[in-house]
Amino acid sequence: MTITVRSLTGGLNSVSHSPFWITRIAFGAVLVAAFVALEWLSSIHEFMSVPITPWNPGLGVVFAFLLLWGPAYAPVLFVGMIAAELFVVRTTLQWPIIIAIAAIISVVYGSAAIIIRKALRLDAGLHHLRDLLTLLTAGIIAAVVSSTLVALLLLLDHRIELGNVLTAATPLLLGDIIGIVVITPLTLRLVRLMQGDARLSGYSRPLAIEISLYAALCCVALFVIVSGESGSGLRYFYLLFVPVVLAAVRHGFDGACIALAITQFALVGLMRYFGYDAQAFTEMQTLMLVLTGTGLIVGAVVSERQNADALRRLAELRLRDKEIESSRAARFTLVSGMASALAHEINQPMTAARALARSAQHIIDNTSPDLPRASTNIANAIAQIDHAGGVMRRMREFLRRGRPHVSSFDIRTMIDDALILARPDANARGIEIVSEIPEGLPMAHGDKIQIEQVVLNLIRNATEAIAGAQQTDGVIRISGELLAEPARIEIAVRDNGPGIRPHLADRMFDPMTTSKDEGLGLGLSICLAIIEAHGGQIWLQSGDPGKAEFRFWLPLEPPADLQ
């Protein structure tokens, strides 16, 4: 039988010939073994029959899996506690008390996991500061409740005095809290990494050097702290803030988790090596708790800002893609409105070329062919075909361009190319277009096709306004000049049409603003986006009848993102 179960990485894998309960028991046994091993590493021992540990990393690991997969793993904590008491502590407590302690701890933390998962809706990936604070608060409360109940239970053993229980209560509480705040976030992040919800950047030489420097700094700080006389190193504990906070700032929440785990393991190992007593352990772990809270919060804030920045950049990329799509769609709409006139503009030279070619053929077929005349006709036909081909080439380039292509271009040439596309439609409506662009203007920088689109939009709007007013003397003038402070090229498109109504003048560049019955009101808003992306400005200079005028300028030095 094949049953789908959650694997170590948290994904759903197909496990053949393995019932679900066998898989769960096997993984539970692995967690129990890990719990016992971590308890041994944590230097757990008894003080007057009361178990004391500087920290409880096994609890942190199991609590993480309780948060990930629910209270079904609470028995792991129960069995792990009993195993640690028997094989690590070698306790002298009576069996009923051992079982009761294990039951209290497993029930309290299992209940806390249910509340955090269901009521508080914790994101186990800890992607937000709110999730971290929820985990830390709930974990600390569970540790307080568990330690209090265990302390009360220990008083039932007549061999244990109240003073001994009170002496052990503080390190017992601190050990549970440190185990949760250090190991639980790290375990959650590692599981998410294995699931693919997070990624490591991979090996790189600068990263390896940075890790080596951090490890060296951490070792030096720890040696200074623990190598002196008992208690004298406490005043140097602040040295550990430097590598931990640095790791949090550089690598966010994950960097803080790893740095704190390394620091905690190294600290406990060195203190055990130098023979620190339980009181010194407690004092040092109190400071470590402050360091852990500081490092985790700094890391969470940094990661949250990094994630927000990544989302912002992604949104900007998507917005830019949409703007590119809208700009290209607007070009198609623009040309489709001039399609009839452009078709005539192409058909006219082709018809003339055909007539010239047939005339040349007749001349050559005569008994006494006039070859110079035939050659002239063929040359004129070629010129007509070249003219039609030029119109098609410019139209194809204008329509096909997708992403922006930044280059230097001549303003006058760009205007001439735009007029090749705009004049047929204007001529068909009896409107004259006059170019007054002077020679000698400096080169502009940007996407030539996008700027050409702006010019065509302005000419098209003027053409439709004049045609809509049924004027017979319509004229559109395009001029340009070089200005200083800032150094820029300014282009003006003005016409002698009916002007712009005052209620539209203040919002001409807002999307969906149009005076046309069938217009979408996107042309000028796209023009605004294009010009601003090039570091320039566009505005309505005058909306008066007979002298409507739009202007825009481009800087001689393009913005950094266009270079």
Protein backbone atom coordinates (compact mmCIF):
# COMPACT_ATOMS: atom_id res chain seq x y z
CA MET A 1 0.00 0.00 0.00
CA THR A 2 1.30 3.48 -0.87
CA ILE A 3 0.40 6.33 1.46
CA THR A 4 1.44 9.99 1.07
CA VAL A 5 3.06 11.34 4.22
CA ARG A 6 5.07 14.38 5.23
CA SER A 7 8.79 13.75 4.93
CA LEU A 8 11.64 15.34 6.90
CA THR A 9 11.58 18.24 4.46
CA GLY A 10 7.91 18.80 5.09
CA GLY A 11 6.91 17.98 1.53
CA LEU A 12 4.52 15.28 0.47
CA ASN A 13 6.36 12.15 -0.67
CA SER A 14 5.07 8.80 -1.73
CA VAL A 15 6.30 6.09 0.63
CA SER A 16 5.91 2.62 -0.84
CA HIS A 17 5.23 -0.49 1.29
CA SER A 18 5.33 1.59 4.46
CA PRO A 19 2.20 2.23 6.54
CA PHE A 20 1.81 5.74 7.85
CA TRP A 21 2.17 4.80 11.50
CA ILE A 22 5.50 3.05 10.88
CA THR A 23 6.88 6.15 9.15
CA ARG A 24 5.68 8.37 11.98
CA ILE A 25 7.18 6.12 14.64
CA ALA A 26 10.50 5.99 12.78
CA PHE A 27 10.70 9.76 12.52
CA GLY A 28 9.61 10.07 16.15
CA ALA A 29 12.46 7.78 17.16
CA VAL A 30 14.89 10.02 15.25
CA LEU A 31 13.55 13.06 17.12
CA VAL A 32 13.85 11.27 20.47
CA ALA A 33 17.48 10.38 19.70
CA ALA A 34 18.17 13.99 18.67
CA PHE A 35 16.49 15.24 21.86
CA VAL A 36 18.64 13.01 24.09
CA ALA A 37 21.84 13.91 22.21
CA LEU A 38 21.15 17.63 22.53
CA GLU A 39 20.34 17.24 26.23
CA TRP A 40 23.73 15.57 26.71
CA LEU A 41 25.43 18.45 24.86
CA SER A 42 23.60 20.98 27.02
CA SER A 43 25.46 19.82 30.16
CA ILE A 44 22.36 18.76 32.10
CA HIS A 45 22.92 17.63 35.70
CA GLU A 46 21.14 17.28 39.04
CA PHE A 47 21.39 19.65 41.99
CA MET A 48 20.16 18.02 45.20
CA SER A 49 17.93 15.68 43.15
CA VAL A 50 16.63 18.60 41.02
CA PRO A 51 17.57 18.54 37.27
CA ILE A 52 19.37 21.72 36.15
CA THR A 53 20.52 22.62 32.64
CA PRO A 54 21.98 25.87 31.27
CA TRP A 55 19.73 25.51 28.23
CA ASN A 56 17.41 23.00 26.61
CA PRO A 57 18.12 22.72 22.85
CA GLY A 58 16.23 19.44 22.51
CA LEU A 59 13.07 21.17 23.68
CA GLY A 60 13.62 23.86 21.04
CA VAL A 61 13.90 21.28 18.25
CA VAL A 62 10.81 19.28 19.26
CA PHE A 63 8.79 22.45 19.85
CA ALA A 64 9.59 23.51 16.28
CA PHE A 65 8.15 20.27 14.91
CA LEU A 66 5.09 20.68 17.15
CA LEU A 67 4.54 24.05 15.48
CA LEU A 68 5.11 22.60 12.02
CA TRP A 69 3.12 19.39 12.18
CA GLY A 70 0.88 19.70 15.20
CA PRO A 71 0.54 18.10 18.68
CA ALA A 72 0.79 14.57 17.25
CA TYR A 73 4.51 14.87 18.03
CA ALA A 74 3.93 15.67 21.72
CA PRO A 75 4.63 11.99 22.63
CA VAL A 76 8.15 12.54 21.24
CA LEU A 77 8.71 15.14 23.94
CA PHE A 78 7.25 12.80 26.57
CA VAL A 79 9.50 9.88 25.62
CA GLY A 80 12.52 12.14 25.12
CA MET A 81 12.18 13.62 28.61
CA ILE A 82 12.05 10.18 30.21
CA ALA A 83 15.02 8.95 28.16
CA ALA A 84 17.08 12.04 29.06
CA GLU A 85 16.30 11.59 32.77
CA LEU A 86 17.38 7.95 32.65
CA PHE A 87 20.39 7.96 30.35
CA VAL A 88 21.80 11.53 30.59
CA VAL A 89 20.94 12.79 34.06
CA ARG A 90 20.77 9.30 35.65
CA THR A 91 18.19 10.78 37.98
CA THR A 92 17.34 9.57 41.46
CA LEU A 93 13.76 10.86 41.18
CA GLN A 94 10.97 8.38 41.67
CA TRP A 95 9.30 6.94 38.60
CA PRO A 96 5.88 8.56 39.17
CA ILE A 97 7.53 11.98 39.38
CA ILE A 98 9.62 11.35 36.23
CA ILE A 99 6.53 10.34 34.29
CA ALA A 100 4.53 13.26 35.68
CA ILE A 101 7.28 15.76 34.73
CA ALA A 102 7.41 14.38 31.19
CA ALA A 103 3.61 14.50 30.95
CA ILE A 104 3.44 18.11 32.18
CA ILE A 105 6.08 19.31 29.72
CA SER A 106 4.59 17.46 26.73
CA VAL A 107 1.03 18.60 27.49
CA VAL A 108 2.01 22.25 28.11
CA TYR A 109 4.08 22.60 24.94
CA GLY A 110 1.64 20.56 22.87
CA SER A 111 -1.17 22.88 24.01
CA ALA A 112 0.98 25.93 23.27
CA ALA A 113 1.58 24.60 19.75
CA ILE A 114 -2.16 24.20 19.19
CA ILE A 115 -2.84 27.77 20.34
CA ILE A 116 -0.02 29.22 18.23
CA ARG A 117 -1.04 27.26 15.12
CA LYS A 118 -4.82 27.62 15.33
CA ALA A 119 -5.65 30.73 17.34
CA LEU A 120 -2.62 32.92 16.60
CA ARG A 121 -2.13 31.58 13.03
CA LEU A 122 1.65 31.60 13.16
CA ASP A 123 3.51 31.60 9.86
CA ALA A 124 6.09 28.88 10.58
CA GLY A 125 8.46 30.48 8.08
CA LEU A 126 8.79 33.48 10.45
CA HIS A 127 8.77 35.91 7.54
CA HIS A 128 7.46 38.79 9.65
CA LEU A 129 8.41 40.37 12.97
CA ARG A 130 4.89 39.70 14.19
CA ASP A 131 5.40 35.93 13.79
CA LEU A 132 8.71 36.04 15.68
CA LEU A 133 7.21 38.02 18.57
CA THR A 134 4.24 35.61 18.68
CA LEU A 135 6.58 32.62 18.86
CA LEU A 136 8.80 34.16 21.53
CA THR A 137 5.90 35.34 23.69
CA ALA A 138 4.02 32.04 23.51
CA GLY A 139 7.21 30.04 24.10
CA ILE A 140 8.16 32.09 27.16
CA ILE A 141 4.65 31.76 28.61
CA ALA A 142 4.72 27.99 28.04
CA ALA A 143 8.15 27.80 29.70
CA VAL A 144 6.87 29.74 32.74
CA VAL A 145 3.79 27.51 33.08
CA SER A 146 5.81 24.32 32.58
CA SER A 147 8.56 25.30 35.02
CA THR A 148 6.03 26.35 37.67
CA LEU A 149 4.10 23.06 37.44
CA VAL A 150 7.32 21.03 37.49
CA ALA A 151 8.57 22.94 40.55
CA LEU A 152 5.27 22.28 42.37
CA LEU A 153 5.46 18.63 41.39
CA LEU A 154 9.00 18.25 42.73
CA LEU A 155 7.77 19.36 46.16
CA LEU A 156 5.76 16.12 46.31
CA ASP A 157 9.04 14.23 46.70
CA HIS A 158 9.76 14.35 50.42
CA ARG A 159 13.51 14.13 49.73
CA ILE A 160 13.55 17.48 47.91
CA GLU A 161 13.52 20.61 50.05
CA LEU A 162 11.77 23.82 49.11
CA GLY A 163 15.06 25.72 49.01
CA ASN A 164 16.50 23.31 46.47
CA VAL A 165 13.44 23.72 44.25
CA LEU A 166 13.65 27.50 44.44
CA THR A 167 17.37 27.37 43.65
CA ALA A 168 16.73 25.22 40.58
CA ALA A 169 13.63 27.12 39.40
CA THR A 170 15.48 30.03 37.77
CA PRO A 171 18.01 27.98 35.72
CA LEU A 172 15.24 25.52 34.84
CA LEU A 173 13.11 28.34 33.45
CA LEU A 174 16.04 30.05 31.70
CA GLY A 175 17.15 26.75 30.17
CA ASP A 176 13.73 26.16 28.58
CA ILE A 177 13.43 29.73 27.35
CA ILE A 178 16.94 29.80 25.87
CA GLY A 179 16.32 26.46 24.16
CA ILE A 180 13.16 27.80 22.53
CA VAL A 181 14.34 31.27 21.51
CA VAL A 182 17.65 30.01 20.08
CA ILE A 183 16.84 26.63 18.55
CA THR A 184 13.14 26.79 17.59
CA PRO A 185 13.50 29.68 15.07
CA LEU A 186 16.65 28.08 13.61
CA THR A 187 14.90 24.71 13.21
CA LEU A 188 11.86 26.31 11.57
CA ARG A 189 14.05 28.18 9.10
CA LEU A 190 16.12 25.07 8.30
CA VAL A 191 12.98 23.04 7.60
CA ARG A 192 11.67 25.82 5.35
CA LEU A 193 15.01 25.81 3.58
CA MET A 194 14.71 22.07 2.97
CA GLN A 195 11.15 22.57 1.74
CA GLY A 196 12.35 25.13 -0.78
CA ASP A 197 10.53 28.10 0.82
CA ALA A 198 13.94 29.72 1.46
CA ARG A 199 17.21 29.60 -0.42
CA LEU A 200 20.87 29.89 0.38
CA SER A 201 22.91 32.10 -1.90
CA GLY A 202 25.48 29.34 -2.38
CA TYR A 203 29.21 29.27 -1.79
CA SER A 204 31.23 32.28 -2.73
CA ARG A 205 34.73 33.29 -1.74
CA PRO A 206 33.67 36.62 -0.12
CA LEU A 207 31.00 34.79 1.90
CA ALA A 208 33.49 32.17 3.10
CA ILE A 209 35.89 34.93 4.15
CA GLU A 210 33.11 36.74 5.98
CA ILE A 211 32.07 33.59 7.85
CA SER A 212 35.69 32.94 8.83
CA LEU A 213 36.07 36.48 10.16
CA TYR A 214 32.84 36.17 12.13
CA ALA A 215 33.90 32.82 13.62
CA ALA A 216 37.26 34.27 14.62
CA LEU A 217 35.63 37.34 16.21
CA CYS A 218 33.15 35.15 18.08
CA CYS A 219 35.87 32.83 19.39
CA VAL A 220 37.99 35.72 20.59
CA ALA A 221 35.02 37.31 22.36
CA LEU A 222 34.00 34.01 24.00
CA PHE A 223 37.54 33.29 25.14
CA VAL A 224 37.81 36.73 26.75
CA ILE A 225 34.45 36.21 28.47
CA VAL A 226 34.93 32.73 29.93
CA SER A 227 38.68 32.35 30.38
CA GLY A 228 38.99 34.73 33.32
CA GLU A 229 38.02 34.20 36.91
CA SER A 230 34.47 33.08 37.58
CA GLY A 231 32.14 35.99 36.99
CA SER A 232 34.83 38.37 35.78
CA GLY A 233 33.95 37.77 32.17
CA LEU A 234 30.40 39.07 32.57
CA ARG A 235 31.51 42.66 32.09
CA TYR A 236 32.90 41.70 28.67
CA PHE A 237 29.74 39.96 27.52
CA TYR A 238 28.80 42.92 25.35
CA LEU A 239 31.58 41.84 22.97
CA LEU A 240 29.27 39.09 21.69
CA PHE A 241 26.77 41.70 20.50
CA VAL A 242 29.18 42.77 17.77
CA PRO A 243 29.32 39.53 15.72
CA VAL A 244 25.67 38.61 16.37
CA VAL A 245 24.23 41.99 15.41
CA LEU A 246 26.63 42.19 12.46
CA ALA A 247 25.41 38.81 11.20
CA ALA A 248 21.79 39.92 11.66
CA VAL A 249 22.33 43.16 9.76
CA ARG A 250 24.28 41.48 6.96
CA HIS A 251 22.15 38.36 6.47
CA GLY A 252 18.85 39.10 8.18
CA PHE A 253 16.90 36.64 10.31
CA ASP A 254 18.72 33.54 9.04
CA GLY A 255 22.09 35.09 9.83
CA ALA A 256 20.93 35.94 13.36
CA CYS A 257 19.61 32.40 13.98
CA ILE A 258 22.84 30.73 12.86
CA ALA A 259 25.06 33.20 14.73
CA LEU A 260 23.11 32.75 17.97
CA ALA A 261 23.15 28.95 17.74
CA ILE A 262 26.92 28.89 17.17
CA THR A 263 27.45 31.36 20.00
CA GLN A 264 25.25 29.41 22.42
CA PHE A 265 26.86 26.03 21.73
CA ALA A 266 30.35 27.53 21.96
CA LEU A 267 29.49 29.43 25.14
CA VAL A 268 28.11 26.37 26.94
CA GLY A 269 31.04 24.22 25.78
CA LEU A 270 33.68 26.69 26.94
CA MET A 271 31.95 27.31 30.29
CA ARG A 272 31.79 23.59 30.86
CA TYR A 273 35.44 23.24 29.91
CA PHE A 274 36.54 25.97 32.34
CA GLY A 275 34.40 24.47 35.12
CA TYR A 276 31.81 27.21 35.70
CA ASP A 277 29.24 26.43 38.38
CA ALA A 278 25.43 26.53 38.10
CA GLN A 279 25.20 30.14 39.36
CA ALA A 280 27.66 31.37 36.74
CA PHE A 281 25.78 29.42 34.10
CA THR A 282 22.56 31.15 35.14
CA GLU A 283 24.10 34.62 35.09
CA MET A 284 25.66 34.03 31.68
CA GLN A 285 22.43 32.58 30.25
CA THR A 286 20.48 35.60 31.46
CA LEU A 287 22.77 37.82 29.40
CA MET A 288 22.55 35.34 26.52
CA LEU A 289 18.77 35.67 26.61
CA VAL A 290 19.08 39.44 26.16
CA LEU A 291 21.54 38.93 23.30
CA THR A 292 19.24 36.39 21.65
CA GLY A 293 16.21 38.66 21.80
CA THR A 294 18.22 41.57 20.40
CA GLY A 295 19.75 39.52 17.58
CA LEU A 296 16.48 37.89 16.53
CA ILE A 297 14.54 41.15 16.49
CA VAL A 298 17.25 42.95 14.52
CA GLY A 299 17.42 40.04 12.07
CA ALA A 300 13.63 39.90 11.70
CA VAL A 301 13.41 43.63 11.02
CA VAL A 302 16.23 43.44 8.46
CA SER A 303 14.67 40.44 6.71
CA GLU A 304 11.25 42.07 6.70
CA ARG A 305 12.70 45.17 5.07
CA GLN A 306 14.66 43.05 2.59
CA ASN A 307 11.50 41.12 1.70
CA ALA A 308 9.53 44.34 1.36
CA ASP A 309 12.26 45.78 -0.86
CA ALA A 310 12.28 42.61 -2.98
CA LEU A 311 8.50 42.79 -3.35
CA ARG A 312 8.76 46.46 -4.28
CA ARG A 313 11.35 45.71 -6.95
CA LEU A 314 9.20 42.87 -8.27
CA ALA A 315 6.17 45.17 -8.39
CA GLU A 316 8.24 47.80 -10.20
CA LEU A 317 9.39 45.22 -12.76
CA ARG A 318 5.83 44.05 -13.31
CA LEU A 319 4.64 47.63 -13.59
CA ARG A 320 7.39 48.39 -16.10
CA ASP A 321 6.41 45.31 -18.12
CA LYS A 322 2.79 46.46 -18.10
CA GLU A 323 3.85 49.95 -19.15
CA ILE A 324 5.85 48.47 -22.02
CA GLU A 325 2.84 46.38 -23.08
CA SER A 326 0.55 49.41 -22.82
CA SER A 327 3.00 51.55 -24.78
CA ARG A 328 3.24 48.97 -27.55
CA ALA A 329 -0.54 48.52 -27.63
CA ALA A 330 -0.89 52.31 -27.86
CA ARG A 331 1.44 52.33 -30.88
CA PHE A 332 -0.73 49.78 -32.63
CA THR A 333 -3.82 51.82 -31.78
CA LEU A 334 -2.12 54.97 -33.05
CA VAL A 335 -1.11 53.43 -36.37
CA SER A 336 -4.45 51.66 -36.79
CA GLY A 337 -6.14 55.06 -36.67
CA MET A 338 -3.92 56.22 -39.52
CA ALA A 339 -4.11 52.90 -41.40
CA SER A 340 -6.23 54.17 -44.29
CA ALA A 341 -4.01 57.18 -44.95
CA LEU A 342 -0.84 55.08 -44.62
CA ALA A 343 -2.24 52.52 -47.02
CA HIS A 344 -2.87 55.33 -49.50
CA GLU A 345 0.64 56.68 -48.89
CA ILE A 346 2.08 53.27 -49.76
CA ASN A 347 -0.30 52.56 -52.62
CA GLN A 348 0.36 55.89 -54.38
CA PRO A 349 4.13 55.40 -55.00
CA MET A 350 3.54 51.76 -55.88
CA THR A 351 0.97 52.79 -58.51
CA ALA A 352 3.34 55.42 -59.85
CA ALA A 353 6.19 52.90 -59.92
CA ARG A 354 4.03 50.45 -61.83
CA ALA A 355 3.11 53.12 -64.41
CA LEU A 356 6.74 54.17 -64.81
CA ALA A 357 7.91 50.59 -65.20
CA ARG A 358 5.24 49.86 -67.86
CA SER A 359 6.19 53.06 -69.68
CA ALA A 360 9.82 52.00 -69.68
CA GLN A 361 8.80 48.59 -71.01
CA HIS A 362 6.87 50.18 -73.91
CA ILE A 363 9.82 52.44 -74.71
CA ILE A 364 12.21 49.50 -74.83
CA ASP A 365 9.80 47.45 -76.98
CA ASN A 366 9.72 50.16 -79.70
CA THR A 367 11.74 49.58 -82.82
CA SER A 368 13.75 52.71 -81.99
CA PRO A 369 13.87 52.67 -78.15
CA ASP A 370 14.69 55.89 -76.29
CA LEU A 371 17.00 54.25 -73.76
CA PRO A 372 17.86 57.41 -71.73
CA ARG A 373 14.13 58.08 -71.25
CA ALA A 374 13.54 54.44 -70.25
CA SER A 375 16.43 54.64 -67.78
CA THR A 376 14.97 57.79 -66.25
CA ASN A 377 11.57 56.13 -65.86
CA ILE A 378 13.14 53.08 -64.20
CA ALA A 379 15.13 55.31 -61.82
CA ASN A 380 11.95 57.20 -60.90
CA ALA A 381 10.14 53.89 -60.36
CA ILE A 382 12.91 52.70 -58.04
CA ALA A 383 12.68 55.97 -56.09
CA GLN A 384 8.91 55.49 -55.67
CA ILE A 385 9.41 51.91 -54.49
CA ASP A 386 12.12 53.06 -52.06
CA HIS A 387 9.71 55.67 -50.70
CA ALA A 388 7.00 53.04 -50.11
CA GLY A 389 9.61 50.71 -48.62
CA GLY A 390 10.80 53.45 -46.28
CA VAL A 391 7.25 54.02 -45.01
CA MET A 392 6.82 50.27 -44.41
CA ARG A 393 10.21 49.99 -42.70
CA ARG A 394 9.52 52.87 -40.34
CA MET A 395 6.06 51.52 -39.56
CA ARG A 396 7.42 48.02 -38.88
CA GLU A 397 10.16 49.39 -36.58
CA PHE A 398 7.66 51.62 -34.80
CA LEU A 399 5.28 48.72 -34.15
CA ARG A 400 7.73 45.91 -33.46
CA ARG A 401 9.86 47.47 -30.72
CA GLY A 402 9.18 45.84 -27.35
CA ARG A 403 11.56 46.70 -24.53
CA PRO A 404 13.21 50.12 -24.49
CA HIS A 405 16.39 50.49 -26.53
CA VAL A 406 18.51 53.36 -25.26
CA SER A 407 20.82 55.12 -27.70
CA SER A 408 21.84 58.56 -28.94
CA PHE A 409 19.65 59.92 -31.73
CA ASP A 410 19.19 63.09 -33.75
CA ILE A 411 16.03 65.01 -32.83
CA ARG A 412 15.47 66.32 -36.36
CA THR A 413 15.77 62.85 -37.89
CA MET A 414 13.37 61.45 -35.29
CA ILE A 415 10.81 64.18 -36.10
CA ASP A 416 11.17 63.52 -39.83
CA ASP A 417 10.54 59.80 -39.28
CA ALA A 418 7.44 60.62 -37.23
CA LEU A 419 6.14 62.94 -39.94
CA ILE A 420 6.50 60.22 -42.57
CA LEU A 421 3.90 58.28 -40.58
CA ALA A 422 1.76 61.27 -39.56
CA ARG A 423 1.56 63.30 -42.81
CA PRO A 424 -0.58 60.89 -44.87
CA ASP A 425 -3.42 61.06 -42.36
CA ALA A 426 -3.06 64.84 -41.97
CA ASN A 427 -2.98 65.39 -45.74
CA ALA A 428 -6.07 63.24 -46.17
CA ARG A 429 -7.89 65.60 -43.78
CA GLY A 430 -6.54 68.73 -45.49
CA ILE A 431 -4.20 69.62 -42.61
CA GLU A 432 -0.68 70.92 -43.14
CA ILE A 433 2.20 69.84 -40.89
CA VAL A 434 5.17 72.20 -40.70
CA SER A 435 8.48 71.17 -39.14
CA GLU A 436 10.52 74.03 -37.68
CA ILE A 437 13.25 71.96 -36.04
CA PRO A 438 16.54 73.83 -36.45
CA GLU A 439 19.76 72.20 -37.52
CA GLY A 440 22.62 71.71 -35.08
CA LEU A 441 20.67 70.52 -32.06
CA PRO A 442 22.77 68.19 -29.87
CA MET A 443 22.06 64.48 -29.81
CA ALA A 444 19.33 63.29 -27.46
CA HIS A 445 19.62 60.14 -25.34
CA GLY A 446 16.88 57.58 -24.82
CA ASP A 447 14.57 55.31 -26.74
CA LYS A 448 14.04 56.91 -30.15
CA ILE A 449 10.86 54.94 -30.87
CA GLN A 450 9.25 55.92 -27.56
CA ILE A 451 9.99 59.63 -28.09
CA GLU A 452 8.68 59.29 -31.66
CA GLN A 453 5.53 57.78 -30.15
CA VAL A 454 5.09 60.90 -27.99
CA VAL A 455 5.42 63.18 -31.03
CA LEU A 456 2.99 61.06 -33.05
CA ASN A 457 0.46 61.08 -30.21
CA LEU A 458 0.57 64.87 -29.97
CA ILE A 459 0.28 65.27 -33.76
CA ARG A 460 -2.54 62.73 -33.92
CA ASN A 461 -4.47 64.53 -31.15
CA ALA A 462 -4.06 67.86 -32.95
CA THR A 463 -5.11 66.29 -36.26
CA GLU A 464 -8.30 64.82 -34.79
CA ALA A 465 -9.13 68.07 -32.95
CA ILE A 466 -8.84 70.14 -36.17
CA ALA A 467 -10.73 67.56 -38.23
CA GLY A 468 -13.45 67.35 -35.57
CA ALA A 469 -13.94 71.14 -35.81
CA GLN A 470 -14.18 70.81 -39.65
CA GLN A 471 -11.51 73.44 -40.22
CA THR A 472 -10.22 73.85 -43.76
CA ASP A 473 -7.07 75.80 -42.86
CA GLY A 474 -5.65 73.46 -40.22
CA VAL A 475 -1.92 73.79 -39.51
CA ILE A 476 0.26 71.87 -37.04
CA ARG A 477 3.71 73.26 -36.27
CA ILE A 478 6.54 71.38 -34.60
CA SER A 479 9.48 73.36 -33.25
CA GLY A 480 12.50 72.68 -31.08
CA GLU A 481 15.18 74.63 -29.25
CA LEU A 482 18.15 74.14 -26.95
CA LEU A 483 17.73 75.57 -23.44
CA ALA A 484 20.01 75.84 -20.41
CA GLU A 485 19.66 75.28 -16.64
CA PRO A 486 19.17 72.42 -16.92
CA ALA A 487 20.65 71.74 -20.33
CA ARG A 488 17.76 70.33 -22.32
CA ILE A 489 16.07 70.07 -25.69
CA GLU A 490 12.50 71.37 -25.72
CA ILE A 491 9.95 70.35 -28.36
CA ALA A 492 6.66 72.16 -28.98
CA VAL A 493 3.62 70.87 -30.93
CA ARG A 494 1.01 73.57 -31.55
CA ASP A 495 -2.02 73.87 -33.78
CA ASN A 496 -4.69 76.37 -34.79
CA GLY A 497 -7.56 74.06 -33.83
CA PRO A 498 -10.46 74.63 -31.43
CA GLY A 499 -8.29 74.40 -28.31
CA ILE A 500 -8.89 72.40 -25.15
CA ARG A 501 -11.89 72.82 -22.91
CA PRO A 502 -10.96 74.27 -19.47
CA HIS A 503 -12.47 71.39 -17.48
CA LEU A 504 -10.09 68.97 -19.26
CA ALA A 505 -6.96 71.14 -19.21
CA ASP A 506 -6.00 70.37 -15.59
CA ARG A 507 -6.24 66.60 -16.00
CA MET A 508 -5.16 65.99 -19.57
CA PHE A 509 -2.46 63.53 -18.50
CA ASP A 510 -4.66 61.51 -16.12
CA PRO A 511 -5.60 58.03 -17.40
CA MET A 512 -9.12 57.71 -18.84
CA THR A 513 -9.33 61.46 -19.55
CA THR A 514 -10.43 62.14 -23.14
CA SER A 515 -12.60 64.48 -25.18
CA LYS A 516 -13.24 61.82 -27.85
CA ASP A 517 -16.43 59.79 -27.88
CA GLU A 518 -14.56 56.55 -28.58
CA GLY A 519 -11.22 57.38 -26.96
CA LEU A 520 -9.69 55.46 -24.06
CA GLY A 521 -7.83 58.43 -22.61
CA LEU A 522 -4.50 56.59 -22.38
CA GLY A 523 -2.45 58.37 -25.05
CA LEU A 524 -1.30 61.37 -23.01
CA SER A 525 -0.83 59.33 -19.82
CA ILE A 526 1.51 57.02 -21.75
CA CYS A 527 3.32 60.10 -23.11
CA LEU A 528 3.75 61.35 -19.54
CA ALA A 529 5.19 57.97 -18.40
CA ILE A 530 7.64 57.89 -21.35
CA ILE A 531 8.92 61.43 -20.87
CA GLU A 532 9.27 61.11 -17.09
CA ALA A 533 11.14 57.81 -17.55
CA HIS A 534 13.59 59.76 -19.73
CA GLY A 535 14.08 62.34 -16.98
CA GLY A 536 12.05 65.05 -18.72
CA GLN A 537 8.70 66.82 -18.39
CA ILE A 538 5.63 67.24 -20.57
CA TRP A 539 2.85 69.76 -20.10
CA LEU A 540 0.03 71.70 -21.71
CA GLN A 541 1.46 75.14 -22.53
CA SER A 542 -1.76 76.63 -23.86
CA GLY A 543 -5.29 75.36 -24.41
CA ASP A 544 -6.67 78.54 -26.02
CA PRO A 545 -8.57 78.22 -29.31
CA GLY A 546 -6.31 78.80 -32.30
CA LYS A 547 -3.10 78.33 -30.33
CA ALA A 548 -3.25 75.04 -28.44
CA GLU A 549 0.27 73.93 -27.59
CA PHE A 550 1.91 70.98 -25.86
CA ARG A 551 5.56 71.01 -24.85
CA PHE A 552 8.03 68.47 -23.56
CA TRP A 553 11.75 68.50 -22.89
CA LEU A 554 14.50 65.92 -22.63
CA PRO A 555 17.71 66.39 -20.61
CA LEU A 556 21.02 66.28 -22.43
CA GLU A 557 22.27 64.01 -19.64
CA PRO A 558 19.95 60.99 -19.34
CA PRO A 559 18.94 59.60 -15.90
CA ALA A 560 21.16 56.88 -14.46
CA ASP A 561 18.67 54.05 -15.10
CA LEU A 562 18.69 54.86 -18.84
CA GLN A 563 22.47 54.92 -19.20
